[in-house]
C-alpha atoms as a PDB file:
ATOM      1  CA  MET A   1       6.732  17.673 -15.399  1.00  0.00           C
ATOM      2  CA  ARG A   2       9.955  16.615 -17.104  1.00  0.00           C
ATOM      3  CA  GLY A   3      11.625  13.275 -16.451  1.00  0.00           C
ATOM      4  CA  TYR A   4      11.427  11.581 -13.089  1.00  0.00           C
ATOM      5  CA  GLY A   5      11.214  14.863 -11.185  1.00  0.00           C
ATOM      6  CA  SER A   6       8.443  13.680  -8.895  1.00  0.00           C
ATOM      7  CA  PRO A   7       9.795  12.736  -5.454  1.00  0.00           C
ATOM      8  CA  GLN A   8       7.393   9.766  -5.260  1.00  0.00           C
ATOM      9  CA  ILE A   9       8.555   8.359  -8.583  1.00  0.00           C
ATOM     10  CA  ARG A  10      12.226   9.044  -7.859  1.00  0.00           C
ATOM     11  CA  ASP A  11      12.056   7.403  -4.431  1.00  0.00           C
ATOM     12  CA  GLY A  12      10.095   4.453  -5.787  1.00  0.00           C
ATOM     13  CA  LEU A  13      12.629   3.862  -8.518  1.00  0.00           C
ATOM     14  CA  ILE A  14      15.579   4.103  -6.131  1.00  0.00           C
ATOM     15  CA  GLU A  15      14.065   1.681  -3.627  1.00  0.00           C
ATOM     16  CA  ASP A  16      12.391  -0.774  -6.014  1.00  0.00           C
ATOM     17  CA  MET A  17      14.315  -0.539  -9.305  1.00  0.00           C
ATOM     18  CA  ARG A  18      14.433  -4.296  -9.869  1.00  0.00           C
ATOM     19  CA  ASP A  19      10.710  -4.690  -9.208  1.00  0.00           C
ATOM     20  CA  TYR A  20       9.945  -1.655 -11.367  1.00  0.00           C
ATOM     21  CA  ILE A  21      11.901  -3.050 -14.332  1.00  0.00           C
ATOM     22  CA  VAL A  22      10.311  -6.495 -14.001  1.00  0.00           C
ATOM     23  CA  ALA A  23       6.840  -4.926 -13.797  1.00  0.00           C
ATOM     24  CA  MET A  24       7.520  -2.804 -16.898  1.00  0.00           C
ATOM     25  CA  GLN A  25       8.668  -5.888 -18.813  1.00  0.00           C
ATOM     26  CA  THR A  26       5.734  -7.979 -17.586  1.00  0.00           C
ATOM     27  CA  PHE A  27       2.848  -5.528 -17.766  1.00  0.00           C
ATOM     28  CA  GLY A  28       4.164  -3.045 -20.297  1.00  0.00           C
ATOM     29  CA  CYS A  29       4.109   0.674 -20.751  1.00  0.00           C
ATOM     30  CA  SER A  30       3.869   3.043 -23.682  1.00  0.00           C
ATOM     31  CA  THR A  31       5.464   6.367 -24.448  1.00  0.00           C
ATOM     32  CA  ASN A  32       2.671   6.947 -26.988  1.00  0.00           C
ATOM     33  CA  TRP A  33       5.165   8.115 -29.619  1.00  0.00           C
ATOM     34  CA  PRO A  34       3.057   8.673 -32.739  1.00  0.00           C
ATOM     35  CA  HIS A  35       5.823   9.446 -35.240  1.00  0.00           C
ATOM     36  CA  GLY A  36       7.479   6.083 -35.884  1.00  0.00           C
ATOM     37  CA  LEU A  37      11.036   4.862 -35.814  1.00  0.00           C
ATOM     38  CA  GLN A  38      12.266   7.246 -38.532  1.00  0.00           C
ATOM     39  CA  ALA A  39      11.471  10.268 -36.332  1.00  0.00           C
ATOM     40  CA  ALA A  40      12.837   8.668 -33.153  1.00  0.00           C
ATOM     41  CA  ILE A  41      16.317   8.084 -34.605  1.00  0.00           C
ATOM     42  CA  ALA A  42      18.629  10.885 -35.731  1.00  0.00           C
ATOM     43  CA  VAL A  43      21.097   9.816 -38.401  1.00  0.00           C
ATOM     44  CA  ASP A  44      24.319  11.783 -38.777  1.00  0.00           C
ATOM     45  CA  ARG A  45      25.797  10.674 -42.091  1.00  0.00           C
ATOM     46  CA  GLU A  46      29.014  12.654 -41.640  1.00  0.00           C
ATOM     47  CA  ALA A  47      29.780  11.123 -38.256  1.00  0.00           C
ATOM     48  CA  GLU A  48      28.276   7.781 -39.354  1.00  0.00           C
ATOM     49  CA  THR A  49      26.177   7.570 -36.193  1.00  0.00           C
ATOM     50  CA  MET A  50      22.601   7.002 -35.168  1.00  0.00           C
ATOM     51  CA  THR A  51      21.277   8.449 -31.929  1.00  0.00           C
ATOM     52  CA  VAL A  52      17.940   9.076 -30.312  1.00  0.00           C
ATOM     53  CA  SER A  53      16.395  12.224 -31.797  1.00  0.00           C
ATOM     54  CA  ASP A  54      15.912  15.356 -29.706  1.00  0.00           C
ATOM     55  CA  ALA A  55      12.185  15.242 -30.463  1.00  0.00           C
ATOM     56  CA  PHE A  56      11.933  11.686 -29.085  1.00  0.00           C
ATOM     57  CA  VAL A  57      13.946  12.584 -25.984  1.00  0.00           C
ATOM     58  CA  ASP A  58      11.682  15.578 -25.328  1.00  0.00           C
ATOM     59  CA  HIS A  59       8.633  13.361 -25.796  1.00  0.00           C
ATOM     60  CA  ILE A  60       9.729  10.544 -23.494  1.00  0.00           C
ATOM     61  CA  CYS A  61      10.961  12.911 -20.785  1.00  0.00           C
ATOM     62  CA  ASP A  62       7.439  14.263 -20.380  1.00  0.00           C
ATOM     63  CA  LEU A  63       5.557  11.809 -18.158  1.00  0.00           C
ATOM     64  CA  ALA A  64       2.286  13.148 -19.554  1.00  0.00           C
ATOM     65  CA  ASN A  65       3.120  11.182 -22.716  1.00  0.00           C
ATOM     66  CA  TRP A  66       3.444   7.841 -20.932  1.00  0.00           C
ATOM     67  CA  SER A  67       0.788   5.227 -20.261  1.00  0.00           C
ATOM     68  CA  ILE A  68       1.007   2.243 -17.946  1.00  0.00           C
ATOM     69  CA  SER A  69      -1.232  -0.792 -17.775  1.00  0.00           C
ATOM     70  CA  GLY A  70      -3.682  -1.408 -14.974  1.00  0.00           C
ATOM     71  CA  GLY A  71      -1.548  -4.382 -13.897  1.00  0.00           C
ATOM     72  CA  PHE A  72       1.492  -2.159 -13.498  1.00  0.00           C
ATOM     73  CA  ALA A  73      -0.517   0.472 -11.619  1.00  0.00           C
ATOM     74  CA  ASP A  74      -1.793  -2.194  -9.210  1.00  0.00           C
ATOM     75  CA  ILE A  75       1.795  -3.092  -8.259  1.00  0.00           C
ATOM     76  CA  PHE A  76       2.982   0.540  -8.054  1.00  0.00           C
ATOM     77  CA  PRO A  77      -0.039   2.580  -6.930  1.00  0.00           C
ATOM     78  CA  GLU A  78       2.248   5.550  -6.208  1.00  0.00           C
ATOM     79  CA  MET A  79       2.605   5.924  -9.986  1.00  0.00           C
ATOM     80  CA  ARG A  80      -1.090   6.740 -10.380  1.00  0.00           C
ATOM     81  CA  GLY A  81      -1.552  10.416 -11.105  1.00  0.00           C
ATOM     82  CA  HIS A  82       1.837  10.609 -12.821  1.00  0.00           C
ATOM     83  CA  TYR A  83       1.017   8.368 -15.767  1.00  0.00           C
ATOM     84  CA  ASP A  84      -2.111   7.723 -17.782  1.00  0.00           C
ATOM     85  CA  VAL A  85      -3.373   4.344 -16.553  1.00  0.00           C
ATOM     86  CA  LEU A  86      -4.981   2.244 -19.262  1.00  0.00           C
ATOM     87  CA  ASP A  87      -7.951   0.040 -18.455  1.00  0.00           C
ATOM     88  CA  GLN A  88      -6.172  -3.137 -19.539  1.00  0.00           C
ATOM     89  CA  PRO A  89      -3.961  -5.564 -17.629  1.00  0.00           C
ATOM     90  CA  THR A  90      -0.981  -5.349 -20.015  1.00  0.00           C
ATOM     91  CA  ILE A  91       0.360  -3.235 -22.885  1.00  0.00           C
ATOM     92  CA  SER A  92       1.837  -5.115 -25.829  1.00  0.00           C
ATOM     93  CA  ALA A  93       5.300  -4.299 -27.102  1.00  0.00           C
ATOM     94  CA  SER A  94       5.402  -1.760 -29.912  1.00  0.00           C
ATOM     95  CA  GLU A  95       5.833  -2.987 -33.420  1.00  0.00           C
ATOM     96  CA  GLY A  96       8.896  -1.546 -35.076  1.00  0.00           C
ATOM     97  CA  ASP A  97      10.831  -3.001 -37.957  1.00  0.00           C
ATOM     98  CA  ILE A  98      14.364  -2.218 -36.858  1.00  0.00           C
ATOM     99  CA  GLU A  99      15.872  -4.544 -39.455  1.00  0.00           C
ATOM    100  CA  TRP A 100      14.072  -2.634 -42.243  1.00  0.00           C
ATOM    101  CA  PHE A 101      15.201   0.701 -40.773  1.00  0.00           C
ATOM    102  CA  LEU A 102      18.853  -0.384 -40.639  1.00  0.00           C
ATOM    103  CA  LYS A 103      18.699  -1.906 -44.118  1.00  0.00           C
ATOM    104  CA  GLN A 104      17.245   1.314 -45.534  1.00  0.00           C
ATOM    105  CA  HIS A 105      20.080   3.344 -44.092  1.00  0.00           C
ATOM    106  CA  ALA A 106      22.723   0.812 -45.102  1.00  0.00           C
ATOM    107  CA  GLU A 107      21.486   1.024 -48.705  1.00  0.00           C
ATOM    108  CA  GLN A 108      21.569   4.831 -48.610  1.00  0.00           C
ATOM    109  CA  ASP A 109      24.998   5.109 -47.033  1.00  0.00           C
ATOM    110  CA  SER A 110      28.364   3.544 -47.634  1.00  0.00           C
ATOM    111  CA  TRP A 111      28.936   3.071 -43.924  1.00  0.00           C
END
């Protein structure tokens, strides 16, 4: 399944978007991206831009790659079966050194 194509997920998001966002921030989720920040960001030196890489977009649009915490699943039971539910109440935020990433690219480029 790609994206939020499931009618249950789509309807839940439309009706309860605020609650969904608060639950995601409180209990956490993971896209289980194993390749790090370098592979998630596409740098176009000619255009002097950084965007989300196609590989990362493909990964996050596949709900099979996502995990939610047990706490999140308890609030939104309709999400069960669409996400991998972890046997833990919360999922910690991912560690990513964005400052290092930006500094590396600033040193490599004149922009």
